[in-house]
Amino acid sequence: ATAVVMGWRPTVGPMALLAALGLAVFIGWATSWIFAL
């Protein structure tokens, strides 16, 4: 959202944008198990 406010405009559709966010969140969640340990 901050990048969009600064002027960034995605060149891909909503599904690709959600896929990128989903992948980042998934990797973050996998990493959360390491930090939890």
Full PDB file with SEQRES, HELIX, SHEET, SSBOND, CRYST1, ORIGX, SCALE, CONECT and MASTER records, all heavy atoms in Angstrom:
SEQRES   1 A   37  ALA THR ALA VAL VAL MET GLY TRP ARG PRO THR VAL GLY          
SEQRES   2 A   37  PRO MET ALA LEU LEU ALA ALA LEU GLY LEU ALA VAL PHE          
SEQRES   3 A   37  ILE GLY TRP ALA THR SER TRP ILE PHE ALA LEU                  
HELIX    1 AA1 THR A    2  MET A    6  1                                   5    
HELIX    2 AA2 PRO A   14  ALA A   36  1                                  23    
CRYST1    1.000    1.000    1.000  90.00  90.00  90.00 P 1           1          
ORIGX1      1.000000  0.000000  0.000000        0.00000                         
ORIGX2      0.000000  1.000000  0.000000        0.00000                         
ORIGX3      0.000000  0.000000  1.000000        0.00000                         
SCALE1      1.000000  0.000000  0.000000        0.00000                         
SCALE2      0.000000  1.000000  0.000000        0.00000                         
SCALE3      0.000000  0.000000  1.000000        0.00000                         
ATOM      1  N   ALA A   1       0.833  -1.207   0.000  1.00  0.00           N  
ATOM      2  CA  ALA A   1       0.000   0.000   0.000  1.00  0.00           C  
ATOM      3  C   ALA A   1       0.869   1.259   0.000  1.00  0.00           C  
ATOM      4  O   ALA A   1       0.556   2.242  -0.689  1.00  0.00           O  
ATOM      5  CB  ALA A   1      -0.931  -0.006   1.215  1.00  0.00           C  
ATOM      6  N   THR A   2       1.962   1.242   0.762  1.00  0.00           N  
ATOM      7  CA  THR A   2       2.865   2.398   0.797  1.00  0.00           C  
ATOM      8  C   THR A   2       3.493   2.630  -0.566  1.00  0.00           C  
ATOM      9  O   THR A   2       3.612   3.778  -1.025  1.00  0.00           O  
ATOM     10  CB  THR A   2       3.964   2.191   1.853  1.00  0.00           C  
ATOM     11  OG1 THR A   2       3.371   1.904   3.118  1.00  0.00           O  
ATOM     12  CG2 THR A   2       4.831   3.436   1.976  1.00  0.00           C  
ATOM     13  N   ALA A   3       3.893   1.561  -1.233  1.00  0.00           N  
ATOM     14  CA  ALA A   3       4.474   1.687  -2.574  1.00  0.00           C  
ATOM     15  C   ALA A   3       3.461   2.267  -3.555  1.00  0.00           C  
ATOM     16  O   ALA A   3       3.812   3.095  -4.410  1.00  0.00           O  
ATOM     17  CB  ALA A   3       4.972   0.329  -3.059  1.00  0.00           C  
ATOM     18  N   VAL A   4       2.198   1.851  -3.443  1.00  0.00           N  
ATOM     19  CA  VAL A   4       1.151   2.384  -4.320  1.00  0.00           C  
ATOM     20  C   VAL A   4       0.968   3.877  -4.080  1.00  0.00           C  
ATOM     21  O   VAL A   4       0.840   4.672  -5.028  1.00  0.00           O  
ATOM     22  CB  VAL A   4      -0.176   1.633  -4.094  1.00  0.00           C  
ATOM     23  CG1 VAL A   4      -1.334   2.341  -4.798  1.00  0.00           C  
ATOM     24  CG2 VAL A   4      -0.069   0.198  -4.599  1.00  0.00           C  
ATOM     25  N   VAL A   5       0.972   4.293  -2.824  1.00  0.00           N  
ATOM     26  CA  VAL A   5       0.846   5.717  -2.494  1.00  0.00           C  
ATOM     27  C   VAL A   5       2.014   6.508  -3.073  1.00  0.00           C  
ATOM     28  O   VAL A   5       1.852   7.659  -3.512  1.00  0.00           O  
ATOM     29  CB  VAL A   5       0.767   5.904  -0.962  1.00  0.00           C  
ATOM     30  CG1 VAL A   5       0.859   7.382  -0.588  1.00  0.00           C  
ATOM     31  CG2 VAL A   5      -0.526   5.304  -0.418  1.00  0.00           C  
ATOM     32  N   MET A   6       3.197   5.911  -3.116  1.00  0.00           N  
ATOM     33  CA  MET A   6       4.381   6.581  -3.659  1.00  0.00           C  
ATOM     34  C   MET A   6       4.390   6.615  -5.180  1.00  0.00           C  
ATOM     35  O   MET A   6       5.255   7.276  -5.767  1.00  0.00           O  
ATOM     36  CB  MET A   6       5.647   5.889  -3.146  1.00  0.00           C  
ATOM     37  CG  MET A   6       5.884   6.047  -1.655  1.00  0.00           C  
ATOM     38  SD  MET A   6       7.304   5.079  -1.079  1.00  0.00           S  
ATOM     39  CE  MET A   6       8.649   5.863  -1.955  1.00  0.00           C  
ATOM     40  N   GLY A   7       3.473   5.894  -5.814  1.00  0.00           N  
ATOM     41  CA  GLY A   7       3.387   5.951  -7.268  1.00  0.00           C  
ATOM     42  C   GLY A   7       3.593   4.641  -7.992  1.00  0.00           C  
ATOM     43  O   GLY A   7       3.519   4.595  -9.228  1.00  0.00           O  
ATOM     44  N   TRP A   8       3.860   3.567  -7.244  1.00  0.00           N  
ATOM     45  CA  TRP A   8       4.034   2.265  -7.896  1.00  0.00           C  
ATOM     46  C   TRP A   8       2.698   1.737  -8.374  1.00  0.00           C  
ATOM     47  O   TRP A   8       1.707   1.779  -7.656  1.00  0.00           O  
ATOM     48  CB  TRP A   8       4.659   1.271  -6.922  1.00  0.00           C  
ATOM     49  CG  TRP A   8       4.757  -0.129  -7.463  1.00  0.00           C  
ATOM     50  CD1 TRP A   8       5.534  -0.545  -8.492  1.00  0.00           C  
ATOM     51  CD2 TRP A   8       4.049  -1.293  -6.993  1.00  0.00           C  
ATOM     52  NE1 TRP A   8       5.378  -1.896  -8.699  1.00  0.00           N  
ATOM     53  CE2 TRP A   8       4.467  -2.386  -7.801  1.00  0.00           C  
ATOM     54  CE3 TRP A   8       3.114  -1.519  -5.988  1.00  0.00           C  
ATOM     55  CZ2 TRP A   8       3.975  -3.672  -7.615  1.00  0.00           C  
ATOM     56  CZ3 TRP A   8       2.620  -2.793  -5.797  1.00  0.00           C  
ATOM     57  CH2 TRP A   8       3.050  -3.858  -6.605  1.00  0.00           C  
ATOM     58  N   ARG A   9       2.671   1.254  -9.597  1.00  0.00           N  
ATOM     59  CA  ARG A   9       1.462   0.664 -10.158  1.00  0.00           C  
ATOM     60  C   ARG A   9       1.783  -0.733 -10.674  1.00  0.00           C  
ATOM     61  O   ARG A   9       2.645  -0.894 -11.541  1.00  0.00           O  
ATOM     62  CB  ARG A   9       0.906   1.523 -11.312  1.00  0.00           C  
ATOM     63  CG  ARG A   9       0.433   2.900 -10.883  1.00  0.00           C  
ATOM     64  CD  ARG A   9      -0.753   2.810  -9.938  1.00  0.00           C  
ATOM     65  NE  ARG A   9      -1.205   4.117  -9.491  1.00  0.00           N  
ATOM     66  CZ  ARG A   9      -0.806   4.716  -8.369  1.00  0.00           C  
ATOM     67  NH1 ARG A   9       0.071   4.095  -7.572  1.00  0.00           N  
ATOM     68  NH2 ARG A   9      -1.259   5.889  -8.020  1.00  0.00           N  
ATOM     69  N   PRO A  10       1.135  -1.765 -10.133  1.00  0.00           N  
ATOM     70  CA  PRO A  10       1.413  -3.135 -10.589  1.00  0.00           C  
ATOM     71  C   PRO A  10       1.138  -3.284 -12.079  1.00  0.00           C  
ATOM     72  O   PRO A  10       0.151  -2.745 -12.600  1.00  0.00           O  
ATOM     73  CB  PRO A  10       0.432  -3.985  -9.760  1.00  0.00           C  
ATOM     74  CG  PRO A  10       0.051  -3.139  -8.597  1.00  0.00           C  
ATOM     75  CD  PRO A  10       0.097  -1.718  -9.083  1.00  0.00           C  
ATOM     76  N   THR A  11       2.014  -4.008 -12.760  1.00  0.00           N  
ATOM     77  CA  THR A  11       1.834  -4.256 -14.194  1.00  0.00           C  
ATOM     78  C   THR A  11       1.180  -5.612 -14.439  1.00  0.00           C  
ATOM     79  O   THR A  11       1.053  -6.035 -15.582  1.00  0.00           O  
ATOM     80  CB  THR A  11       3.198  -4.213 -14.912  1.00  0.00           C  
ATOM     81  OG1 THR A  11       4.081  -5.172 -14.315  1.00  0.00           O  
ATOM     82  CG2 THR A  11       3.818  -2.825 -14.795  1.00  0.00           C  
ATOM     83  N   VAL A  12       0.789  -6.289 -13.363  1.00  0.00           N  
ATOM     84  CA  VAL A  12       0.152  -7.603 -13.469  1.00  0.00           C  
ATOM     85  C   VAL A  12      -1.253  -7.516 -12.880  1.00  0.00           C  
ATOM     86  O   VAL A  12      -1.621  -6.535 -12.238  1.00  0.00           O  
ATOM     87  CB  VAL A  12       0.972  -8.679 -12.731  1.00  0.00           C  
ATOM     88  CG1 VAL A  12       2.320  -8.877 -13.403  1.00  0.00           C  
ATOM     89  CG2 VAL A  12       1.151  -8.324 -11.260  1.00  0.00           C  
ATOM     90  N   GLY A  13      -2.034  -8.566 -13.118  1.00  0.00           N  
ATOM     91  CA  GLY A  13      -3.399  -8.594 -12.631  1.00  0.00           C  
ATOM     92  C   GLY A  13      -3.488  -8.874 -11.139  1.00  0.00           C  
ATOM     93  O   GLY A  13      -2.496  -9.203 -10.487  1.00  0.00           O  
ATOM     94  N   PRO A  14      -4.702  -8.758 -10.584  1.00  0.00           N  
ATOM     95  CA  PRO A  14      -4.901  -8.977  -9.148  1.00  0.00           C  
ATOM     96  C   PRO A  14      -4.481 -10.367  -8.685  1.00  0.00           C  
ATOM     97  O   PRO A  14      -3.954 -10.518  -7.580  1.00  0.00           O  
ATOM     98  CB  PRO A  14      -6.419  -8.778  -8.972  1.00  0.00           C  
ATOM     99  CG  PRO A  14      -6.840  -7.947 -10.143  1.00  0.00           C  
ATOM    100  CD  PRO A  14      -5.946  -8.343 -11.258  1.00  0.00           C  
ATOM    101  N   MET A  15      -4.691 -11.387  -9.512  1.00  0.00           N  
ATOM    102  CA  MET A  15      -4.351 -12.746  -9.102  1.00  0.00           C  
ATOM    103  C   MET A  15      -2.838 -12.906  -8.945  1.00  0.00           C  
ATOM    104  O   MET A  15      -2.371 -13.564  -8.002  1.00  0.00           O  
ATOM    105  CB  MET A  15      -4.880 -13.754 -10.120  1.00  0.00           C  
ATOM    106  CG  MET A  15      -6.392 -13.835 -10.178  1.00  0.00           C  
ATOM    107  SD  MET A  15      -7.137 -14.157  -8.550  1.00  0.00           S  
ATOM    108  CE  MET A  15      -6.475 -15.784  -8.214  1.00  0.00           C  
ATOM    109  N   ALA A  16      -2.062 -12.325  -9.856  1.00  0.00           N  
ATOM    110  CA  ALA A  16      -0.606 -12.396  -9.751  1.00  0.00           C  
ATOM    111  C   ALA A  16      -0.120 -11.612  -8.531  1.00  0.00           C  
ATOM    112  O   ALA A  16       0.816 -12.040  -7.832  1.00  0.00           O  
ATOM    113  CB  ALA A  16       0.045 -11.854 -11.017  1.00  0.00           C  
ATOM    114  N   LEU A  17      -0.759 -10.489  -8.275  1.00  0.00           N  
ATOM    115  CA  LEU A  17      -0.395  -9.684  -7.106  1.00  0.00           C  
ATOM    116  C   LEU A  17      -0.665 -10.469  -5.818  1.00  0.00           C  
ATOM    117  O   LEU A  17       0.161 -10.490  -4.893  1.00  0.00           O  
ATOM    118  CB  LEU A  17      -1.180  -8.378  -7.121  1.00  0.00           C  
ATOM    119  CG  LEU A  17      -0.792  -7.318  -6.083  1.00  0.00           C  
ATOM    120  CD1 LEU A  17       0.644  -6.873  -6.289  1.00  0.00           C  
ATOM    121  CD2 LEU A  17      -1.734  -6.121  -6.180  1.00  0.00           C  
ATOM    122  N   LEU A  18      -1.811 -11.120  -5.766  1.00  0.00           N  
ATOM    123  CA  LEU A  18      -2.146 -11.939  -4.599  1.00  0.00           C  
ATOM    124  C   LEU A  18      -1.215 -13.138  -4.476  1.00  0.00           C  
ATOM    125  O   LEU A  18      -0.873 -13.561  -3.361  1.00  0.00           O  
ATOM    126  CB  LEU A  18      -3.603 -12.404  -4.684  1.00  0.00           C  
ATOM    127  CG  LEU A  18      -4.668 -11.333  -4.463  1.00  0.00           C  
ATOM    128  CD1 LEU A  18      -6.062 -11.906  -4.715  1.00  0.00           C  
ATOM    129  CD2 LEU A  18      -4.582 -10.760  -3.050  1.00  0.00           C  
ATOM    130  N   ALA A  19      -0.814 -13.694  -5.627  1.00  0.00           N  
ATOM    131  CA  ALA A  19       0.115 -14.833  -5.605  1.00  0.00           C  
ATOM    132  C   ALA A  19       1.459 -14.419  -5.017  1.00  0.00           C  
ATOM    133  O   ALA A  19       2.058 -15.163  -4.221  1.00  0.00           O  
ATOM    134  CB  ALA A  19       0.295 -15.386  -7.013  1.00  0.00           C  
ATOM    135  N   ALA A  20       1.946 -13.234  -5.404  1.00  0.00           N  
ATOM    136  CA  ALA A  20       3.223 -12.740  -4.877  1.00  0.00           C  
ATOM    137  C   ALA A  20       3.123 -12.495  -3.373  1.00  0.00           C  
ATOM    138  O   ALA A  20       4.016 -12.880  -2.606  1.00  0.00           O  
ATOM    139  CB  ALA A  20       3.627 -11.458  -5.600  1.00  0.00           C  
ATOM    140  N   LEU A  21       2.024 -11.866  -2.950  1.00  0.00           N  
ATOM    141  CA  LEU A  21       1.821 -11.625  -1.519  1.00  0.00           C  
ATOM    142  C   LEU A  21       1.678 -12.949  -0.766  1.00  0.00           C  
ATOM    143  O   LEU A  21       2.248 -13.122   0.318  1.00  0.00           O  
ATOM    144  CB  LEU A  21       0.585 -10.751  -1.309  1.00  0.00           C  
ATOM    145  CG  LEU A  21       0.186 -10.462   0.151  1.00  0.00           C  
ATOM    146  CD1 LEU A  21       1.308  -9.751   0.889  1.00  0.00           C  
ATOM    147  CD2 LEU A  21      -1.100  -9.633   0.200  1.00  0.00           C  
ATOM    148  N   GLY A  22       0.935 -13.884  -1.349  1.00  0.00           N  
ATOM    149  CA  GLY A  22       0.744 -15.182  -0.712  1.00  0.00           C  
ATOM    150  C   GLY A  22       2.043 -15.945  -0.549  1.00  0.00           C  
ATOM    151  O   GLY A  22       2.284 -16.573   0.490  1.00  0.00           O  
ATOM    152  N   LEU A  23       2.908 -15.882  -1.572  1.00  0.00           N  
ATOM    153  CA  LEU A  23       4.203 -16.567  -1.486  1.00  0.00           C  
ATOM    154  C   LEU A  23       5.057 -15.952  -0.385  1.00  0.00           C  
ATOM    155  O   LEU A  23       5.695 -16.672   0.397  1.00  0.00           O  
ATOM    156  CB  LEU A  23       4.925 -16.490  -2.826  1.00  0.00           C  
ATOM    157  CG  LEU A  23       6.307 -17.151  -2.888  1.00  0.00           C  
ATOM    158  CD1 LEU A  23       6.207 -18.646  -2.594  1.00  0.00           C  
ATOM    159  CD2 LEU A  23       6.961 -16.921  -4.251  1.00  0.00           C  
ATOM    160  N   ALA A  24       5.064 -14.623  -0.318  1.00  0.00           N  
ATOM    161  CA  ALA A  24       5.844 -13.942   0.720  1.00  0.00           C  
ATOM    162  C   ALA A  24       5.335 -14.310   2.117  1.00  0.00           C  
ATOM    163  O   ALA A  24       6.122 -14.587   3.023  1.00  0.00           O  
ATOM    164  CB  ALA A  24       5.783 -12.430   0.513  1.00  0.00           C  
ATOM    165  N   VAL A  25       4.021 -14.322   2.281  1.00  0.00           N  
ATOM    166  CA  VAL A  25       3.431 -14.662   3.575  1.00  0.00           C  
ATOM    167  C   VAL A  25       3.725 -16.112   3.943  1.00  0.00           C  
ATOM    168  O   VAL A  25       4.032 -16.434   5.095  1.00  0.00           O  
ATOM    169  CB  VAL A  25       1.907 -14.406   3.564  1.00  0.00           C  
ATOM    170  CG1 VAL A  25       1.237 -14.994   4.809  1.00  0.00           C  
ATOM    171  CG2 VAL A  25       1.621 -12.910   3.484  1.00  0.00           C  
ATOM    172  N   PHE A  26       3.658 -16.994   2.957  1.00  0.00           N  
ATOM    173  CA  PHE A  26       3.935 -18.411   3.210  1.00  0.00           C  
ATOM    174  C   PHE A  26       5.372 -18.612   3.676  1.00  0.00           C  
ATOM    175  O   PHE A  26       5.631 -19.341   4.647  1.00  0.00           O  
ATOM    176  CB  PHE A  26       3.670 -19.235   1.947  1.00  0.00           C  
ATOM    177  CG  PHE A  26       4.006 -20.692   2.101  1.00  0.00           C  
ATOM    178  CD1 PHE A  26       3.255 -21.511   2.935  1.00  0.00           C  
ATOM    179  CD2 PHE A  26       5.089 -21.244   1.431  1.00  0.00           C  
ATOM    180  CE1 PHE A  26       3.580 -22.856   3.098  1.00  0.00           C  
ATOM    181  CE2 PHE A  26       5.418 -22.577   1.582  1.00  0.00           C  
ATOM    182  CZ  PHE A  26       4.652 -23.389   2.420  1.00  0.00           C  
ATOM    183  N   ILE A  27       6.327 -17.971   3.000  1.00  0.00           N  
ATOM    184  CA  ILE A  27       7.730 -18.081   3.404  1.00  0.00           C  
ATOM    185  C   ILE A  27       7.916 -17.467   4.785  1.00  0.00           C  
ATOM    186  O   ILE A  27       8.657 -18.000   5.634  1.00  0.00           O  
ATOM    187  CB  ILE A  27       8.652 -17.402   2.378  1.00  0.00           C  
ATOM    188  CG1 ILE A  27       8.613 -18.164   1.046  1.00  0.00           C  
ATOM    189  CG2 ILE A  27      10.075 -17.317   2.902  1.00  0.00           C  
ATOM    190  CD1 ILE A  27       9.095 -19.590   1.138  1.00  0.00           C  
ATOM    191  N   GLY A  28       7.241 -16.338   5.033  1.00  0.00           N  
ATOM    192  CA  GLY A  28       7.321 -15.723   6.358  1.00  0.00           C  
ATOM    193  C   GLY A  28       6.774 -16.633   7.436  1.00  0.00           C  
ATOM    194  O   GLY A  28       7.338 -16.739   8.528  1.00  0.00           O  
ATOM    195  N   TRP A  29       5.655 -17.321   7.133  1.00  0.00           N  
ATOM    196  CA  TRP A  29       5.057 -18.216   8.123  1.00  0.00           C  
ATOM    197  C   TRP A  29       5.960 -19.416   8.381  1.00  0.00           C  
ATOM    198  O   TRP A  29       6.095 -19.866   9.519  1.00  0.00           O  
ATOM    199  CB  TRP A  29       3.686 -18.683   7.653  1.00  0.00           C  
ATOM    200  CG  TRP A  29       2.900 -19.394   8.719  1.00  0.00           C  
ATOM    201  CD1 TRP A  29       2.389 -18.839   9.852  1.00  0.00           C  
ATOM    202  CD2 TRP A  29       2.557 -20.781   8.751  1.00  0.00           C  
ATOM    203  NE1 TRP A  29       1.731 -19.808  10.601  1.00  0.00           N  
ATOM    204  CE2 TRP A  29       1.818 -21.002   9.949  1.00  0.00           C  
ATOM    205  CE3 TRP A  29       2.786 -21.855   7.884  1.00  0.00           C  
ATOM    206  CZ2 TRP A  29       1.319 -22.264  10.284  1.00  0.00           C  
ATOM    207  CZ3 TRP A  29       2.286 -23.100   8.232  1.00  0.00           C  
ATOM    208  CH2 TRP A  29       1.560 -23.304   9.422  1.00  0.00           C  
ATOM    209  N   ALA A  30       6.592 -19.929   7.329  1.00  0.00           N  
ATOM    210  CA  ALA A  30       7.554 -21.023   7.505  1.00  0.00           C  
ATOM    211  C   ALA A  30       8.706 -20.576   8.396  1.00  0.00           C  
ATOM    212  O   ALA A  30       9.172 -21.327   9.271  1.00  0.00           O  
ATOM    213  CB  ALA A  30       8.074 -21.487   6.147  1.00  0.00           C  
ATOM    214  N   THR A  31       9.150 -19.335   8.203  1.00  0.00           N  
ATOM    215  CA  THR A  31      10.228 -18.791   9.028  1.00  0.00           C  
ATOM    216  C   THR A  31       9.773 -18.574  10.465  1.00  0.00           C  
ATOM    217  O   THR A  31      10.581 -18.664  11.402  1.00  0.00           O  
ATOM    218  CB  THR A  31      10.727 -17.466   8.427  1.00  0.00           C  
ATOM    219  OG1 THR A  31      11.023 -17.646   7.042  1.00  0.00           O  
ATOM    220  CG2 THR A  31      11.976 -16.972   9.136  1.00  0.00           C  
ATOM    221  N   SER A  32       8.486 -18.291  10.664  1.00  0.00           N  
ATOM    222  CA  SER A  32       7.957 -18.084  12.012  1.00  0.00           C  
ATOM    223  C   SER A  32       8.182 -19.299  12.896  1.00  0.00           C  
ATOM    224  O   SER A  32       8.392 -19.171  14.105  1.00  0.00           O  
ATOM    225  CB  SER A  32       6.454 -17.769  11.953  1.00  0.00           C  
ATOM    226  OG  SER A  32       6.210 -16.511  11.405  1.00  0.00           O  
ATOM    227  N   TRP A  33       8.143 -20.500  12.308  1.00  0.00           N  
ATOM    228  CA  TRP A  33       8.378 -21.713  13.087  1.00  0.00           C  
ATOM    229  C   TRP A  33       9.808 -21.761  13.599  1.00  0.00           C  
ATOM    230  O   TRP A  33      10.070 -22.254  14.705  1.00  0.00           O  
ATOM    231  CB  TRP A  33       8.066 -22.947  12.245  1.00  0.00           C  
ATOM    232  CG  TRP A  33       6.603 -23.172  12.084  1.00  0.00           C  
ATOM    233  CD1 TRP A  33       5.827 -22.842  11.007  1.00  0.00           C  
ATOM    234  CD2 TRP A  33       5.713 -23.761  13.047  1.00  0.00           C  
ATOM    235  NE1 TRP A  33       4.509 -23.177  11.244  1.00  0.00           N  
ATOM    236  CE2 TRP A  33       4.413 -23.758  12.483  1.00  0.00           C  
ATOM    237  CE3 TRP A  33       5.891 -24.294  14.326  1.00  0.00           C  
ATOM    238  CZ2 TRP A  33       3.309 -24.256  13.161  1.00  0.00           C  
ATOM    239  CZ3 TRP A  33       4.784 -24.790  15.003  1.00  0.00           C  
ATOM    240  CH2 TRP A  33       3.511 -24.772  14.424  1.00  0.00           C  
ATOM    241  N   ILE A  34      10.743 -21.235  12.816  1.00  0.00           N  
ATOM    242  CA  ILE A  34      12.136 -21.176  13.275  1.00  0.00           C  
ATOM    243  C   ILE A  34      12.253 -20.219  14.452  1.00  0.00           C  
ATOM    244  O   ILE A  34      12.868 -20.542  15.484  1.00  0.00           O  
ATOM    245  CB  ILE A  34      13.068 -20.739  12.127  1.00  0.00           C  
ATOM    246  CG1 ILE A  34      12.958 -21.698  10.944  1.00  0.00           C  
ATOM    247  CG2 ILE A  34      14.509 -20.641  12.615  1.00  0.00           C  
ATOM    248  CD1 ILE A  34      13.775 -21.285   9.725  1.00  0.00           C  
ATOM    249  N   PHE A  35      11.648 -19.031  14.315  1.00  0.00           N  
ATOM    250  CA  PHE A  35      11.714 -18.051  15.400  1.00  0.00           C  
ATOM    251  C   PHE A  35      10.949 -18.536  16.632  1.00  0.00           C  
ATOM    252  O   PHE A  35      11.353 -18.241  17.768  1.00  0.00           O  
ATOM    253  CB  PHE A  35      11.165 -16.703  14.925  1.00  0.00           C  
ATOM    254  CG  PHE A  35      12.085 -15.974  13.988  1.00  0.00           C  
ATOM    255  CD1 PHE A  35      11.755 -15.771  12.662  1.00  0.00           C  
ATOM    256  CD2 PHE A  35      13.301 -15.486  14.437  1.00  0.00           C  
ATOM    257  CE1 PHE A  35      12.601 -15.108  11.798  1.00  0.00           C  
ATOM    258  CE2 PHE A  35      14.166 -14.814  13.587  1.00  0.00           C  
ATOM    259  CZ  PHE A  35      13.816 -14.621  12.263  1.00  0.00           C  
ATOM    260  N   ALA A  36       9.869 -19.272  16.428  1.00  0.00           N  
ATOM    261  CA  ALA A  36       9.131 -19.828  17.569  1.00  0.00           C  
ATOM    262  C   ALA A  36      10.002 -20.826  18.326  1.00  0.00           C  
ATOM    263  O   ALA A  36      10.002 -20.856  19.569  1.00  0.00           O  
ATOM    264  CB  ALA A  36       7.842 -20.496  17.091  1.00  0.00           C  
ATOM    265  N   LEU A  37      10.743 -21.650  17.586  1.00  0.00           N  
ATOM    266  CA  LEU A  37      11.655 -22.595  18.222  1.00  0.00           C  
ATOM    267  C   LEU A  37      12.725 -21.857  19.019  1.00  0.00           C  
ATOM    268  O   LEU A  37      13.050 -22.243  20.152  1.00  0.00           O  
ATOM    269  CB  LEU A  37      12.303 -23.477  17.153  1.00  0.00           C  
ATOM    270  CG  LEU A  37      13.312 -24.517  17.651  1.00  0.00           C  
ATOM    271  CD1 LEU A  37      12.661 -25.494  18.625  1.00  0.00           C  
ATOM    272  CD2 LEU A  37      13.927 -25.265  16.470  1.00  0.00           C  
TER     273      LEU A  37                                                      
MASTER        0    0    0    2    0    0    0    6  272    1    0    3          
END                                                                             
